Protein backbone atom coordinates (compact mmCIF):
# COMPACT_ATOMS: atom_id res chain seq x y z
CA MET A 1 -0.12 0.03 -0.04
CA ASN A 2 3.00 2.34 0.19
CA ASP A 3 3.04 2.57 -3.43
CA PHE A 4 -0.41 4.23 -3.46
CA ARG A 5 -2.31 6.98 -1.86
CA SER A 6 -6.18 7.18 -1.53
CA GLU A 7 -8.02 10.11 -3.06
CA HIS A 8 -11.93 10.65 -3.02
CA ASP A 9 -14.34 12.18 -5.33
CA LEU A 10 -18.11 12.25 -5.68
CA LEU A 11 -18.08 8.56 -7.07
CA GLY A 12 -15.99 7.29 -4.21
CA ASP A 13 -12.36 6.46 -3.18
CA ARG A 14 -9.63 5.39 -5.59
CA GLN A 15 -6.12 4.30 -5.19
CA ILE A 16 -3.63 6.58 -7.06
CA PRO A 17 0.07 5.72 -7.66
CA ALA A 18 2.04 7.36 -4.86
CA GLY A 19 4.48 8.80 -7.44
CA ALA A 20 1.86 10.47 -9.43
CA TYR A 21 1.26 14.16 -9.55
CA TYR A 22 -2.15 13.65 -11.00
CA GLY A 23 -5.31 12.62 -9.01
CA VAL A 24 -8.59 10.88 -8.90
CA HIS A 25 -10.21 12.89 -11.57
CA THR A 26 -7.48 12.21 -13.99
CA LEU A 27 -7.34 8.57 -13.17
CA ARG A 28 -11.11 8.14 -13.95
CA ALA A 29 -10.50 10.15 -17.25
CA VAL A 30 -7.70 7.77 -18.40
CA GLU A 31 -10.02 4.81 -17.77
CA ASN A 32 -13.00 6.38 -19.46
CA PHE A 33 -11.23 7.60 -22.70
CA PRO A 34 -8.90 5.01 -24.15
CA ILE A 35 -9.43 6.25 -27.51
CA THR A 36 -6.15 7.33 -29.34
CA GLY A 37 -3.40 6.27 -27.01
CA ILE A 38 -2.15 9.85 -27.37
CA SER A 39 -2.13 11.87 -24.25
CA VAL A 40 -2.14 15.77 -24.10
CA SER A 41 1.56 15.58 -23.11
CA ALA A 42 2.05 14.99 -26.89
CA TYR A 43 1.30 18.73 -27.27
CA PRO A 44 3.58 20.64 -24.97
CA ASP A 45 2.35 23.97 -26.08
CA LEU A 46 -1.15 23.23 -24.61
CA ILE A 47 0.43 22.22 -21.31
CA ARG A 48 2.48 25.37 -21.19
CA ALA A 49 -0.79 27.37 -22.04
CA LEU A 50 -2.64 25.66 -19.20
CA ALA A 51 0.42 26.49 -16.84
CA CYS A 52 0.19 30.14 -17.92
CA ILE A 53 -3.65 30.34 -17.23
CA LYS A 54 -3.29 28.78 -13.69
CA GLN A 55 -0.38 31.18 -12.98
CA ALA A 56 -2.40 34.29 -14.23
CA ALA A 57 -5.47 33.07 -12.29
CA ALA A 58 -3.46 32.66 -8.97
CA ILE A 59 -1.92 36.07 -9.31
CA ALA A 60 -5.31 37.73 -10.12
CA ASN A 61 -6.96 36.14 -7.21
CA ARG A 62 -4.15 37.00 -4.84
CA GLN A 63 -4.34 40.62 -6.01
CA LEU A 64 -8.15 40.54 -5.34
CA GLY A 65 -7.51 39.19 -1.84
CA LEU A 66 -9.18 35.99 -2.64
CA LEU A 67 -6.23 33.62 -2.47
CA ASP A 68 -3.71 33.32 0.37
CA PRO A 69 -0.46 34.79 -0.81
CA THR A 70 1.53 31.73 0.47
CA LEU A 71 -0.76 29.35 -1.57
CA ALA A 72 -0.64 31.74 -4.57
CA GLY A 73 3.19 31.73 -4.39
CA ALA A 74 3.34 27.97 -4.52
CA ILE A 75 0.98 27.75 -7.34
CA VAL A 76 2.98 30.34 -9.32
CA ALA A 77 6.20 28.43 -8.56
CA ALA A 78 4.76 25.14 -9.71
CA THR A 79 3.42 26.61 -12.88
CA GLU A 80 6.64 28.23 -13.68
CA GLU A 81 8.33 24.83 -13.49
CA ILE A 82 5.69 23.24 -15.81
CA ARG A 83 6.09 26.09 -18.25
CA ALA A 84 9.79 25.30 -18.27
CA GLY A 85 9.13 21.72 -19.21
CA ALA A 86 8.80 19.84 -15.86
CA LEU A 87 6.06 17.30 -15.26
CA HIS A 88 4.70 17.17 -18.69
CA ASP A 89 4.70 13.34 -18.42
CA GLN A 90 1.96 13.72 -15.84
CA PHE A 91 -0.55 15.06 -18.36
CA VAL A 92 -1.89 11.65 -19.18
CA VAL A 93 -5.54 12.06 -20.33
CA ASP A 94 -6.21 11.09 -23.84
CA VAL A 95 -6.58 14.10 -26.43
CA ILE A 96 -10.06 12.95 -27.38
CA GLN A 97 -12.31 13.05 -24.45
CA GLY A 98 -15.81 13.83 -23.38
CA GLY A 99 -16.69 16.62 -21.10
CA ALA A 100 -15.74 19.57 -23.33
CA GLY A 101 -12.07 19.44 -21.89
CA THR A 102 -12.95 18.97 -18.20
CA SER A 103 -10.57 16.09 -17.95
CA THR A 104 -7.76 18.16 -19.17
CA ASN A 105 -8.42 21.01 -16.92
CA MET A 106 -8.69 18.60 -13.95
CA ASN A 107 -5.50 17.01 -14.94
CA ALA A 108 -3.71 20.31 -14.76
CA ASN A 109 -5.38 21.38 -11.44
CA GLU A 110 -4.08 18.21 -9.89
CA VAL A 111 -0.59 18.37 -11.18
CA VAL A 112 -0.32 21.88 -10.22
CA ALA A 113 -1.76 21.28 -6.78
CA ASN A 114 0.45 18.28 -5.98
CA ARG A 115 3.70 20.15 -7.10
CA ALA A 116 2.59 23.14 -5.08
CA LEU A 117 1.94 21.00 -1.97
CA GLU A 118 5.51 19.59 -2.26
CA LEU A 119 6.89 23.09 -2.45
CA LEU A 120 4.92 23.89 0.81
CA GLY A 121 6.42 20.78 2.49
CA HIS A 122 3.26 18.57 2.29
CA GLY A 123 2.76 15.19 0.58
CA ARG A 124 0.95 14.68 -2.75
CA GLY A 125 -2.78 14.25 -2.14
CA GLU A 126 -2.88 16.21 1.23
CA TYR A 127 -5.52 18.57 -0.39
CA ARG A 128 -6.56 20.08 2.97
CA HIS A 129 -3.56 22.37 2.73
CA LEU A 130 -4.00 23.31 -0.98
CA HIS A 131 -6.96 21.96 -3.12
CA PRO A 132 -7.02 21.41 -6.99
CA ASN A 133 -10.49 22.85 -7.26
CA GLU A 134 -10.75 25.18 -4.42
CA HIS A 135 -7.41 26.93 -4.94
CA VAL A 136 -5.84 26.06 -8.34
CA ASN A 137 -9.12 26.35 -10.02
CA MET A 138 -10.37 29.33 -8.19
CA SER A 139 -12.58 31.74 -10.30
CA GLN A 140 -12.42 29.26 -13.18
CA SER A 141 -14.21 26.77 -15.13
CA THR A 142 -13.16 24.40 -17.66
CA ASN A 143 -15.56 26.27 -20.05
CA ASP A 144 -13.33 29.30 -20.01
CA VAL A 145 -9.79 27.74 -19.10
CA TYR A 146 -9.84 25.12 -21.98
CA PRO A 147 -10.81 27.40 -24.90
CA THR A 148 -8.42 30.00 -23.62
CA ALA A 149 -5.65 27.46 -23.32
CA ILE A 150 -6.36 26.28 -26.91
CA LYS A 151 -6.13 29.79 -28.15
CA VAL A 152 -2.83 30.55 -26.35
CA ALA A 153 -1.24 27.17 -27.59
CA LEU A 154 -2.48 27.98 -31.03
CA HIS A 155 -0.57 31.22 -31.02
CA PHE A 156 2.54 29.33 -30.05
CA LEU A 157 1.99 26.83 -32.93
CA ILE A 158 1.17 29.49 -35.41
CA ASP A 159 4.37 31.17 -34.84
CA HIS A 160 6.28 27.91 -35.25
CA LEU A 161 4.43 27.25 -38.63
CA VAL A 162 4.95 30.83 -39.94
CA ALA A 163 8.80 30.48 -39.28
CA ALA A 164 8.92 27.18 -41.09
CA MET A 165 7.07 28.56 -44.08
CA ALA A 166 9.43 31.67 -44.18
CA GLN A 167 12.41 29.21 -44.36
CA LEU A 168 10.77 27.18 -47.31
CA ARG A 169 9.92 30.49 -49.01
CA SER A 170 13.53 31.51 -48.77
CA ALA A 171 14.65 28.28 -50.33
CA PHE A 172 12.24 28.85 -53.30
CA GLU A 173 13.33 32.45 -53.63
CA ALA A 174 16.98 31.18 -53.77
CA LYS A 175 16.05 28.64 -56.50
CA ALA A 176 14.29 31.48 -58.36
CA VAL A 177 17.50 33.39 -58.47
CA GLU A 178 19.58 30.47 -59.41
CA PHE A 179 17.14 29.56 -62.40
CA ALA A 180 16.59 33.13 -63.55
CA ASP A 181 18.47 32.68 -66.88
CA ILE A 182 16.93 29.26 -67.77
CA VAL A 183 14.18 29.61 -70.46
CA LYS A 184 11.57 26.92 -70.60
CA VAL A 185 7.99 26.21 -72.06
CA GLY A 186 5.26 27.20 -69.84
CA ARG A 187 2.05 24.97 -69.76
CA THR A 188 -1.50 25.41 -69.43
CA GLN A 189 -3.84 22.43 -69.09
CA LEU A 190 -0.66 20.29 -69.55
CA GLN A 191 -0.17 21.59 -73.04
CA ASP A 192 2.51 23.73 -74.37
CA ALA A 193 1.80 27.40 -73.89
CA VAL A 194 4.55 30.29 -74.11
CA PRO A 195 8.00 30.65 -72.84
CA MET A 196 9.05 31.71 -69.35
CA THR A 197 12.01 31.16 -67.19
CA LEU A 198 12.40 28.44 -64.56
CA GLY A 199 13.11 31.20 -62.10
CA GLN A 200 9.74 32.63 -62.77
CA GLU A 201 8.21 29.33 -62.13
CA PHE A 202 9.87 28.84 -58.75
CA SER A 203 9.19 32.44 -57.70
CA THR A 204 5.50 31.61 -57.79
CA TYR A 205 5.99 29.03 -55.09
CA ALA A 206 7.68 31.62 -52.94
CA VAL A 207 4.99 34.29 -53.49
CA MET A 208 2.25 31.62 -52.55
CA LEU A 209 4.06 30.86 -49.36
CA GLY A 210 4.48 34.60 -48.46
CA GLU A 211 0.81 35.26 -49.10
CA ASP A 212 -0.27 32.61 -46.70
CA GLU A 213 2.17 33.70 -44.01
CA GLU A 214 0.27 36.94 -44.01
CA ARG A 215 -3.21 35.05 -43.89
CA LEU A 216 -1.96 33.03 -40.91
CA ARG A 217 -0.95 36.32 -39.07
CA GLU A 218 -4.41 37.69 -39.85
CA ALA A 219 -6.11 34.50 -38.48
CA SER A 220 -4.00 34.65 -35.29
CA LYS A 221 -5.43 38.14 -34.51
CA LEU A 222 -8.86 36.50 -34.27
CA ILE A 223 -7.79 34.13 -31.55
CA CYS A 224 -6.59 37.06 -29.24
CA GLU A 225 -9.99 37.37 -28.02
CA ILE A 226 -10.60 35.15 -24.97
CA ASN A 227 -13.24 34.26 -22.46
CA LEU A 228 -11.27 33.92 -19.35
CA GLY A 229 -13.44 35.03 -16.49
CA ALA A 230 -16.65 33.73 -18.11
CA THR A 231 -16.56 30.73 -15.84
CA ALA A 232 -19.49 28.32 -16.50
CA ILE A 233 -21.53 29.91 -19.38
CA GLY A 234 -20.30 33.42 -19.51
CA THR A 235 -22.07 35.10 -16.76
CA GLY A 236 -18.92 35.05 -14.51
CA ILE A 237 -20.69 33.25 -11.60
CA THR A 238 -18.23 32.59 -8.65
CA ALA A 239 -15.60 35.10 -10.09
CA HIS A 240 -14.96 38.56 -8.63
CA PRO A 241 -16.38 41.28 -10.95
CA ASP A 242 -12.85 42.63 -11.60
CA TYR A 243 -11.27 39.13 -12.11
CA ALA A 244 -11.75 38.92 -15.90
CA GLY A 245 -9.80 42.09 -16.71
CA ILE A 246 -7.21 41.46 -14.25
CA VAL A 247 -6.53 37.84 -15.21
CA CYS A 248 -6.63 38.78 -19.02
CA ALA A 249 -3.96 41.41 -18.56
CA GLU A 250 -1.77 39.11 -16.39
CA LEU A 251 -2.07 36.19 -19.01
CA ALA A 252 -0.98 38.69 -21.78
CA ARG A 253 1.97 39.64 -19.69
CA ILE A 254 3.02 35.99 -19.06
CA THR A 255 2.56 34.81 -22.58
CA GLY A 256 3.55 37.99 -24.63
CA ILE A 257 0.26 37.75 -26.72
CA SER A 258 -1.88 40.76 -26.99
CA LEU A 259 -4.93 39.17 -25.45
CA ILE A 260 -8.26 40.81 -24.89
CA THR A 261 -11.40 39.95 -22.96
CA ALA A 262 -14.42 39.23 -25.28
CA GLY A 263 -17.08 41.88 -25.14
CA ASN A 264 -19.82 39.34 -24.68
CA LEU A 265 -18.68 36.34 -22.61
CA VAL A 266 -21.81 34.38 -23.10
CA GLU A 267 -21.33 34.39 -26.88
CA ALA A 268 -17.57 33.88 -26.60
CA THR A 269 -17.98 30.76 -24.53
CA GLN A 270 -20.11 28.94 -27.01
CA ASP A 271 -18.70 30.29 -30.33
CA CYS A 272 -15.95 28.52 -32.17
CA GLY A 273 -15.86 30.64 -35.30
CA ALA A 274 -12.36 31.70 -34.70
CA PHE A 275 -11.24 28.05 -34.89
CA VAL A 276 -13.18 27.56 -38.08
CA GLN A 277 -11.52 30.50 -39.63
CA LEU A 278 -8.04 29.47 -38.65
CA SER A 279 -8.88 25.94 -39.95
CA GLY A 280 -9.84 27.36 -43.22
CA VAL A 281 -6.60 29.35 -43.56
CA LEU A 282 -4.63 26.14 -42.77
CA LYS A 283 -6.60 24.26 -45.52
CA ARG A 284 -5.65 27.11 -47.93
CA VAL A 285 -1.99 26.64 -46.99
CA ALA A 286 -2.24 22.88 -47.41
CA VAL A 287 -3.97 23.12 -50.83
CA LYS A 288 -1.37 25.46 -52.23
CA LEU A 289 1.59 23.65 -50.74
CA SER A 290 0.25 20.32 -52.17
CA LYS A 291 -0.27 22.01 -55.62
CA THR A 292 3.46 23.06 -55.43
CA CYS A 293 4.45 19.53 -54.76
CA ASN A 294 2.39 18.23 -57.64
CA ASP A 295 4.30 20.57 -59.84
CA LEU A 296 7.68 19.33 -58.48
CA ARG A 297 6.66 15.67 -59.05
CA LEU A 298 5.47 16.55 -62.55
CA LEU A 299 8.48 18.74 -63.56
CA SER A 300 10.89 15.96 -62.28
CA SER A 301 8.97 13.13 -63.86
CA GLY A 302 11.00 10.57 -65.97
CA PRO A 303 13.76 10.78 -65.84
CA ARG A 304 13.82 9.68 -69.39
CA SER A 305 10.17 9.32 -70.52
CA GLY A 306 8.59 12.17 -68.48
CA LEU A 307 9.24 15.93 -68.50
CA GLY A 308 12.49 15.61 -66.62
CA GLU A 309 13.11 19.40 -66.52
CA ILE A 310 14.31 19.34 -63.06
CA ASN A 311 16.09 16.83 -60.73
CA LEU A 312 14.88 16.19 -57.09
CA PRO A 313 17.76 15.10 -54.78
CA ALA A 314 17.60 11.23 -54.49
CA ARG A 315 16.79 10.26 -50.89
CA GLN A 316 16.18 6.70 -51.02
CA ALA A 317 15.80 3.60 -53.21
CA GLY A 318 12.35 3.73 -54.99
CA SER A 319 11.53 0.25 -55.45
CA SER A 320 12.00 -3.35 -54.08
CA ILE A 321 11.92 -4.68 -57.66
CA MET A 322 13.17 -2.05 -60.10
CA PRO A 323 16.88 -1.34 -59.73
CA GLY A 324 17.92 2.36 -59.89
CA LYS A 325 14.46 3.79 -59.57
CA VAL A 326 14.13 6.87 -57.36
CA ASN A 327 10.73 8.39 -56.32
CA PRO A 328 9.81 11.89 -55.33
CA VAL A 329 9.21 10.78 -51.70
CA ILE A 330 9.44 14.16 -50.03
CA PRO A 331 6.79 16.04 -52.13
CA GLU A 332 4.67 12.90 -51.80
CA VAL A 333 4.83 12.98 -47.98
CA VAL A 334 3.93 16.66 -48.00
CA ASN A 335 0.96 15.93 -50.34
CA GLN A 336 -0.20 13.53 -47.62
CA VAL A 337 0.00 16.06 -44.90
CA ALA A 338 -2.10 18.36 -47.02
CA PHE A 339 -4.72 15.76 -47.43
CA GLU A 340 -4.78 15.23 -43.58
CA VAL A 341 -5.09 18.99 -43.07
CA ILE A 342 -8.12 19.13 -45.49
CA GLY A 343 -9.72 16.29 -43.65
CA ASN A 344 -9.04 18.06 -40.28
CA ASP A 345 -10.93 21.12 -41.69
CA ILE A 346 -14.03 19.11 -42.18
CA THR A 347 -13.73 17.49 -38.77
CA ILE A 348 -13.51 21.08 -37.19
CA SER A 349 -16.38 22.42 -39.22
CA PHE A 350 -18.77 19.56 -38.10
CA ALA A 351 -17.49 19.84 -34.50
CA ALA A 352 -18.15 23.62 -34.34
CA GLU A 353 -21.50 23.34 -36.00
CA ALA A 354 -22.50 20.67 -33.47
CA GLY A 355 -22.26 23.00 -30.46
CA GLN A 356 -25.54 23.35 -28.44
CA LEU A 357 -26.71 26.34 -26.60
CA GLN A 358 -24.22 27.93 -24.15
CA LEU A 359 -21.32 25.45 -24.85
CA ASN A 360 -19.60 23.33 -27.39
CA ALA A 361 -18.64 19.99 -25.90
CA PHE A 362 -16.51 19.11 -28.93
CA GLU A 363 -13.63 21.40 -28.48
CA PRO A 364 -11.18 18.58 -27.77
CA ILE A 365 -11.49 17.19 -31.26
CA ILE A 366 -11.27 20.84 -32.68
CA ALA A 367 -8.12 21.30 -30.56
CA LEU A 368 -6.51 18.11 -31.66
CA SER A 369 -7.29 18.67 -35.34
CA LEU A 370 -5.86 22.15 -35.30
CA PHE A 371 -2.70 21.09 -33.47
CA LYS A 372 -2.17 18.30 -35.75
CA SER A 373 -2.59 20.58 -38.88
CA LEU A 374 -0.30 23.16 -37.44
CA SER A 375 2.47 20.86 -36.17
CA HIS A 376 2.33 18.50 -39.31
CA LEU A 377 2.39 21.47 -41.73
CA ARG A 378 5.37 22.87 -39.90
CA ALA A 379 7.37 19.59 -40.19
CA ALA A 380 6.18 19.32 -43.79
CA CYS A 381 7.53 22.67 -44.77
CA LEU A 382 10.99 22.15 -42.96
CA THR A 383 11.24 18.72 -44.60
CA LEU A 384 10.33 20.01 -48.11
CA LYS A 385 13.05 22.75 -47.60
CA GLU A 386 15.82 20.61 -46.22
CA ARG A 387 15.26 17.47 -47.91
CA CYS A 388 14.08 18.46 -51.44
CA VAL A 389 14.04 22.14 -52.45
CA GLU A 390 17.55 23.09 -51.52
CA GLY A 391 18.90 20.22 -53.64
CA ILE A 392 16.85 20.75 -56.83
CA THR A 393 18.91 21.19 -60.13
CA ALA A 394 17.81 22.04 -63.47
CA ASN A 395 18.31 20.14 -66.82
CA ARG A 396 19.35 23.04 -68.75
CA ASP A 397 19.90 21.36 -72.19
CA ARG A 398 16.66 19.70 -72.04
CA LEU A 399 14.82 22.89 -71.24
CA ARG A 400 16.59 24.72 -74.06
CA ARG A 401 15.72 22.13 -76.51
CA SER A 402 12.02 22.18 -75.38
CA VAL A 403 11.97 25.88 -76.13
CA GLU A 404 13.59 25.56 -79.56
CA ASP A 405 11.07 22.72 -80.52
CA SER A 406 8.15 24.38 -79.08
CA ILE A 407 5.11 25.43 -81.14
CA GLY A 408 4.05 27.63 -78.30
CA ILE A 409 6.56 30.28 -79.45
CA VAL A 410 4.37 31.10 -82.39
CA THR A 411 2.14 33.06 -79.76
CA ALA A 412 4.95 35.61 -79.63
CA LEU A 413 4.78 36.16 -83.38
CA ASN A 414 0.98 37.02 -83.46
CA PRO A 415 1.57 40.78 -83.42
CA PHE A 416 4.15 40.63 -86.09
CA ILE A 417 2.74 37.94 -88.64
CA GLY A 418 -0.96 37.91 -87.72
CA TYR A 419 -3.03 35.37 -86.06
CA ALA A 420 -3.94 33.54 -89.25
CA ASN A 421 -0.35 33.19 -90.42
CA ALA A 422 0.56 32.05 -86.88
CA THR A 423 -1.97 29.58 -86.92
CA GLU A 424 -0.99 28.17 -90.26
CA VAL A 425 2.71 28.00 -88.98
CA ALA A 426 1.58 26.11 -85.92
CA ARG A 427 -0.43 23.62 -87.86
CA GLN A 428 2.31 22.89 -90.30
CA ALA A 429 4.85 22.40 -87.51
CA LEU A 430 2.61 20.04 -85.74
CA GLU A 431 1.96 18.00 -88.95
CA SER A 432 5.55 18.03 -90.18
CA GLY A 433 7.57 18.04 -86.99
CA ARG A 434 9.54 20.91 -88.22
CA GLY A 435 10.25 24.07 -86.15
CA VAL A 436 8.46 27.36 -86.00
CA TYR A 437 11.57 29.35 -86.55
CA GLU A 438 12.34 27.31 -89.80
CA LEU A 439 8.83 27.75 -91.22
CA VAL A 440 8.56 31.41 -90.53
CA LEU A 441 11.72 31.91 -92.46
CA GLU A 442 10.88 29.62 -95.30
CA LYS A 443 7.49 31.44 -95.72
CA GLY A 444 9.30 34.83 -95.67
CA LEU A 445 7.11 36.15 -92.91
CA LEU A 446 9.98 37.68 -91.14
CA THR A 447 13.67 38.35 -91.60
CA ARG A 448 16.15 36.17 -89.63
CA GLU A 449 17.26 39.40 -87.90
CA ARG A 450 13.71 40.41 -86.89
CA LEU A 451 12.96 36.91 -85.86
CA ASP A 452 15.94 36.67 -83.58
CA GLN A 453 14.99 39.98 -82.11
CA ILE A 454 11.43 38.97 -81.28
CA LEU A 455 12.54 35.55 -80.03
CA GLN A 456 15.27 36.48 -77.56
CA PRO A 457 14.78 35.10 -74.12
CA ALA A 458 14.34 38.43 -72.31
CA GLU A 459 11.61 39.48 -74.66
CA LEU A 460 9.88 36.15 -74.44
CA THR A 461 9.84 35.98 -70.70
CA HIS A 462 9.84 39.68 -69.61
CA PRO A 463 8.17 41.41 -72.71
CA SER A 464 8.81 45.16 -72.74
CA GLY A 465 6.02 45.89 -75.36
CA LYS A 466 8.50 48.07 -77.40
CA LEU A 467 8.67 45.57 -80.16
CA VAL A 468 4.89 45.44 -80.47
CA VAL A 469 4.43 49.19 -80.43
CA ALA A 470 7.19 49.59 -83.12
CA ALA A 471 5.46 46.84 -85.25
CA ASN A 472 2.13 48.61 -85.05
CA ALA A 473 3.79 52.03 -85.84
CA ASN A 474 5.47 50.38 -88.87
CA GLY A 475 2.36 48.63 -90.22
CA GLU A 476 3.71 45.28 -89.41
CA GLY A 477 0.95 42.59 -89.44
CA ALA A 478 -1.55 44.94 -90.76
CA THR A 479 -5.09 43.37 -91.18
CA ASP A 480 -5.79 42.47 -94.76
CA PRO A 481 -9.37 41.98 -96.24
CA SER A 482 -9.41 38.21 -95.42
CA GLY A 483 -8.93 39.01 -91.74
CA SER A 484 -5.25 38.01 -91.32
CA ARG A 485 -2.28 40.19 -90.77
CA SER A 486 -0.02 40.41 -93.84
CA SER A 487 3.40 41.69 -92.83
CA ARG A 488 3.96 42.49 -96.45
CA ARG A 489 7.04 44.68 -95.61
CA ASN A 490 8.84 41.89 -94.04
CA VAL A 491 7.83 39.49 -96.63
CA GLY A 492 9.63 41.56 -99.16
CA ALA A 493 12.56 42.02 -97.03
CA ALA A 494 12.83 38.28 -96.43
CA LYS A 495 12.84 37.47 -100.11
């Protein structure tokens, strides 16, 4: 029996492992929710957020004269240890649980209380000296602690994700500079379009990430509004009238987050709209990141029978049967993270919609889904940067040949030879396999000097418009009665 201590709750007595910092409420939750096998300790940002709240509450209650300074000091000391990483293994309840997060809040109350008791010189479980509910949970309810903890943890996780996205963006920006001089064929609907540079292609991936970094920062502002002080349903019952303002200010000081108290605490206690908004932004990030990885897989396809325009760094053998095969495993794993995030968004939407009256009981699955989306996206961005993007190389010769053989360059000749002539050149090139350049010269539509001027890489990928203006001023490609543009002056010059 020395290995256990007895604790009591409304259902009766239970034996708790003597070395445990958690108590009877946590034990029952562990028994009731054997769902995922993943405890809340898997998300240290949530534990730190809970510790911050318990610390802020103790300080506010002490300031209001509600909590003995000695007890408040012990609670603050215990929470500071937890914020620093201690006792995280004592947060043992499953991440998916009934009760709107009550089990997580009780777990936090018990761990803080038992560590505070030790600091006061008492044994664990000697709650007559300092009680988890009476003192650690003073002026609080799960219904304001848990959603506030989620929001604080989300701020931490958003910061981690934005930093990872910035690193990935920088990697794409570096590749855009490296590939700035490489001309290639752009594609629409997987068909040859017009020339661009590989640098332009890679710069779009950087821009998309930068845009979504801003969207995440905007979404984070929506979760600065908290309902701490609302207690059970938003009326603030059992809390001092000044408590909400004081505890919010203290929590803002402790976390460094610009938190504000919601204007209507009844509304804030039941509304999960900010979580839905954030999830939507994460889905946006996932969709665009997945699209980028689709492009990388397609551009590197082959190496002989696909596009083969770029090379992804080889990271592992690609087949148990085909020697020498290497697969785009890094983009593939990022794709799968994106699929998960999109699924999480659906889960969050259903959970937010299912809230009833003054409380949403499904915040645990909302929290888990958001935490997974944020942490997995962060890992995916860092993996994509370090294991893929930084090692990408370009197949310059293949890209140059594709431009030279492309029928798409005929589009650049429209203003100079007319749409009808351009169409005819494109048709003959397709049927004969001959090049556009060769056919334009053969037909006498442009001089070699003029053609070279129009088809120079800089003009194709960053058109100044000066050539087109000059062509119109000189009557090049003027419309003839049949509707085509004749380029008679150039025909004569070519002959």
